[in-house]
Protein backbone atom coordinates (compact mmCIF):
# COMPACT_ATOMS: atom_id res chain seq x y z
CA UNK A 1 106.22 107.70 130.52
CA UNK A 2 104.79 108.74 127.21
CA UNK A 3 102.54 111.74 127.24
CA UNK A 4 99.26 111.15 125.45
CA UNK A 5 98.38 114.14 123.37
CA UNK A 6 95.14 114.52 121.51
CA UNK A 7 96.85 113.12 118.48
CA UNK A 8 96.26 110.84 115.59
CA UNK A 9 98.17 108.34 113.72
CA UNK A 10 101.13 110.14 112.24
CA UNK A 11 104.60 109.08 113.06
CA UNK A 12 108.20 109.79 112.54
CA UNK A 13 110.54 106.94 113.11
CA UNK A 14 113.00 107.00 115.93
CA UNK A 15 115.41 104.13 115.79
CA UNK A 16 117.57 103.72 118.83
CA UNK A 17 120.58 102.16 117.13
CA UNK A 18 123.25 101.51 119.68
CA UNK A 19 125.10 99.31 117.21
CA UNK A 20 124.57 97.86 113.76
CA UNK A 21 121.99 95.29 114.94
CA UNK A 22 118.71 96.12 113.11
CA UNK A 23 116.70 94.45 115.89
CA UNK A 24 117.45 97.15 118.43
CA UNK A 25 114.49 98.93 119.94
CA UNK A 26 112.30 100.68 117.38
CA UNK A 27 109.69 103.21 118.47
CA UNK A 28 107.19 104.97 116.25
CA UNK A 29 105.85 107.84 118.40
CA UNK A 30 102.80 109.82 117.40
CA UNK A 31 102.64 113.57 116.91
CA UNK A 32 99.74 115.68 118.11
CA UNK A 33 97.11 116.39 115.50
CA UNK A 34 93.39 116.86 115.68
CA UNK A 35 91.36 113.65 116.16
CA UNK A 36 89.71 112.46 112.98
CA UNK A 37 87.30 109.67 112.10
CA UNK A 38 88.72 106.36 110.92
CA UNK A 39 85.75 104.95 108.97
CA UNK A 40 85.32 106.21 105.44
CA UNK A 41 82.01 107.87 104.56
CA UNK A 42 79.44 105.55 103.05
CA UNK A 43 77.98 106.40 99.65
CA UNK A 44 75.02 108.15 101.31
CA UNK A 45 77.42 110.47 103.11
CA UNK A 46 76.86 109.02 106.56
CA UNK A 47 79.62 107.28 108.45
CA UNK A 48 79.40 103.65 109.46
CA UNK A 49 80.08 103.28 113.20
CA UNK A 50 82.72 100.53 112.87
CA UNK A 51 83.92 99.21 116.17
CA UNK A 52 87.63 99.38 116.96
CA UNK A 53 87.99 95.61 116.66
CA UNK A 54 86.82 95.66 113.03
CA UNK A 55 89.24 98.46 112.16
CA UNK A 56 92.15 96.62 113.81
CA UNK A 57 91.22 93.31 112.20
CA UNK A 58 91.16 94.84 108.71
CA UNK A 59 94.50 96.54 109.37
CA UNK A 60 96.25 93.32 110.38
CA UNK A 61 94.62 91.30 107.61
CA UNK A 62 96.20 93.67 105.09
CA UNK A 63 99.58 93.50 106.87
CA UNK A 64 99.39 89.70 106.88
CA UNK A 65 98.85 89.80 103.13
CA UNK A 66 101.97 91.93 102.80
CA UNK A 67 99.92 94.97 101.82
CA UNK A 68 101.42 97.63 104.07
CA UNK A 69 100.31 100.46 101.78
CA UNK A 70 96.72 99.19 101.67
CA UNK A 71 96.67 98.67 105.46
CA UNK A 72 97.50 102.31 106.13
CA UNK A 73 95.38 103.66 103.30
CA UNK A 74 92.34 101.96 104.84
CA UNK A 75 93.29 103.06 108.34
CA UNK A 76 93.59 106.74 107.43
CA UNK A 77 90.84 106.86 104.77
CA UNK A 78 88.51 109.80 105.31
CA UNK A 79 90.85 111.45 107.80
CA UNK A 80 92.97 114.57 107.78
CA UNK A 81 96.00 112.28 107.87
CA UNK A 82 95.24 111.00 104.39
CA UNK A 83 95.90 114.52 103.10
CA UNK A 84 99.43 114.43 104.52
CA UNK A 85 100.73 111.92 102.04
CA UNK A 86 104.42 112.47 102.82
CA UNK A 87 103.85 111.60 106.50
CA UNK A 88 101.76 108.55 105.65
CA UNK A 89 104.50 107.54 103.22
CA UNK A 90 107.11 107.77 105.98
CA UNK A 91 104.94 105.62 108.23
CA UNK A 92 104.54 102.98 105.53
CA UNK A 93 108.29 102.89 104.89
CA UNK A 94 109.04 102.65 108.61
CA UNK A 95 106.61 99.76 108.97
CA UNK A 96 108.15 97.99 105.96
CA UNK A 97 111.60 98.32 107.55
CA UNK A 98 110.28 96.97 110.85
CA UNK A 99 108.73 93.99 109.07
CA UNK A 100 112.03 93.39 107.26
CA UNK A 101 113.74 93.29 110.66
CA UNK A 102 111.15 91.24 112.59
CA UNK A 103 109.69 89.12 109.80
CA UNK A 104 106.34 89.12 108.04
CA UNK A 105 103.10 89.29 110.01
CA UNK A 106 101.47 85.88 110.33
CA UNK A 107 98.56 87.13 112.42
CA UNK A 108 97.84 89.12 115.56
CA UNK A 109 96.36 88.82 119.02
CA UNK A 110 94.54 91.36 121.14
CA UNK A 111 96.38 91.09 124.46
CA UNK A 112 94.74 93.90 126.39
CA UNK A 113 91.70 96.13 126.17
CA UNK A 114 91.41 99.09 128.50
CA UNK A 115 88.24 101.14 128.49
CA UNK A 116 87.91 104.50 130.20
CA UNK A 117 84.26 105.39 130.54
CA UNK A 118 82.05 104.60 127.58
CA UNK A 119 83.85 106.57 124.90
CA UNK A 120 87.58 105.83 125.23
CA UNK A 121 89.24 102.51 124.53
CA UNK A 122 92.79 101.31 124.04
CA UNK A 123 93.47 97.98 122.44
CA UNK A 124 96.93 96.52 122.70
CA UNK A 125 97.84 93.87 120.16
CA UNK A 126 100.89 91.89 119.29
CA UNK A 127 101.64 91.12 115.68
CA UNK A 128 102.81 87.56 115.27
CA UNK A 129 105.87 88.24 113.16
CA UNK A 130 108.16 85.47 111.98
CA UNK A 131 111.12 86.41 114.19
CA UNK A 132 109.78 88.61 116.99
CA UNK A 133 106.40 90.18 117.77
CA UNK A 134 105.69 93.89 117.77
CA UNK A 135 103.41 95.65 120.26
CA UNK A 136 100.71 97.82 118.66
CA UNK A 137 98.49 100.21 120.62
CA UNK A 138 95.37 101.66 119.08
CA UNK A 139 93.49 104.45 120.89
CA UNK A 140 89.88 105.15 119.94
CA UNK A 141 87.38 107.82 120.94
CA UNK A 142 83.64 107.50 120.33
CA UNK A 143 81.99 110.77 119.39
CA UNK A 144 78.53 111.12 117.89
CA UNK A 145 78.25 107.34 117.64
CA UNK A 146 81.40 107.13 115.50
CA UNK A 147 84.65 105.52 116.67
CA UNK A 148 87.64 107.66 115.81
CA UNK A 149 91.24 106.53 115.94
CA UNK A 150 93.04 109.25 117.87
CA UNK A 151 96.45 107.66 118.34
CA UNK A 152 98.42 104.59 117.40
CA UNK A 153 101.82 103.44 118.58
CA UNK A 154 103.99 100.49 117.66
CA UNK A 155 107.19 99.26 119.23
CA UNK A 156 108.97 96.12 120.34
CA UNK A 157 108.46 96.82 124.06
CA UNK A 158 107.71 93.27 125.13
CA UNK A 159 109.42 93.61 128.52
CA UNK A 160 107.21 96.60 129.31
CA UNK A 161 104.14 94.64 128.20
CA UNK A 162 104.93 91.86 130.66
CA UNK A 163 105.53 94.40 133.43
CA UNK A 164 102.17 96.11 132.78
CA UNK A 165 100.25 92.84 132.78
CA UNK A 166 101.96 91.57 135.93
CA UNK A 167 101.14 94.81 137.80
CA UNK A 168 97.42 94.38 137.10
CA UNK A 169 97.15 90.72 138.06
CA UNK A 170 96.57 89.98 141.76
CA UNK A 171 99.62 88.34 143.31
CA UNK A 172 99.08 84.94 144.98
CA UNK A 173 101.13 84.99 148.17
């Protein structure tokens, strides 16, 4: 089980390569950092309280257009992560390699939303890649009326996704 740390979107790639097949399990775990706001400040200096769905939609729209760099730049804009350019660069390169392995993104679907109280939400999406989908998890925290992305994970854990969904659905016996 992955431990959720108060972290934000910053990854190092771990590729479990048991042989030369590039489609082996790829996991992009997050590292603990301080939570930071996702939306960029507006010209007046106040932050727009974008909902998580709008942030995710913009992210996948950029990926669909083949703009990996722009997708992450928008996602981390106005955050402490944007100052760590080498880490953001690694994340972009890892995502580009994953898209080379699984095919370009043709779209996405939100497959699960889990809310804890009124200020925590996790949205699980699958990217509709040409060859195989990827599972993306976005974790948001609402503080002071502003949604903040506090963690993001991406992998190809489709078996686990099915297991999670089947555990929540009532069984008809």
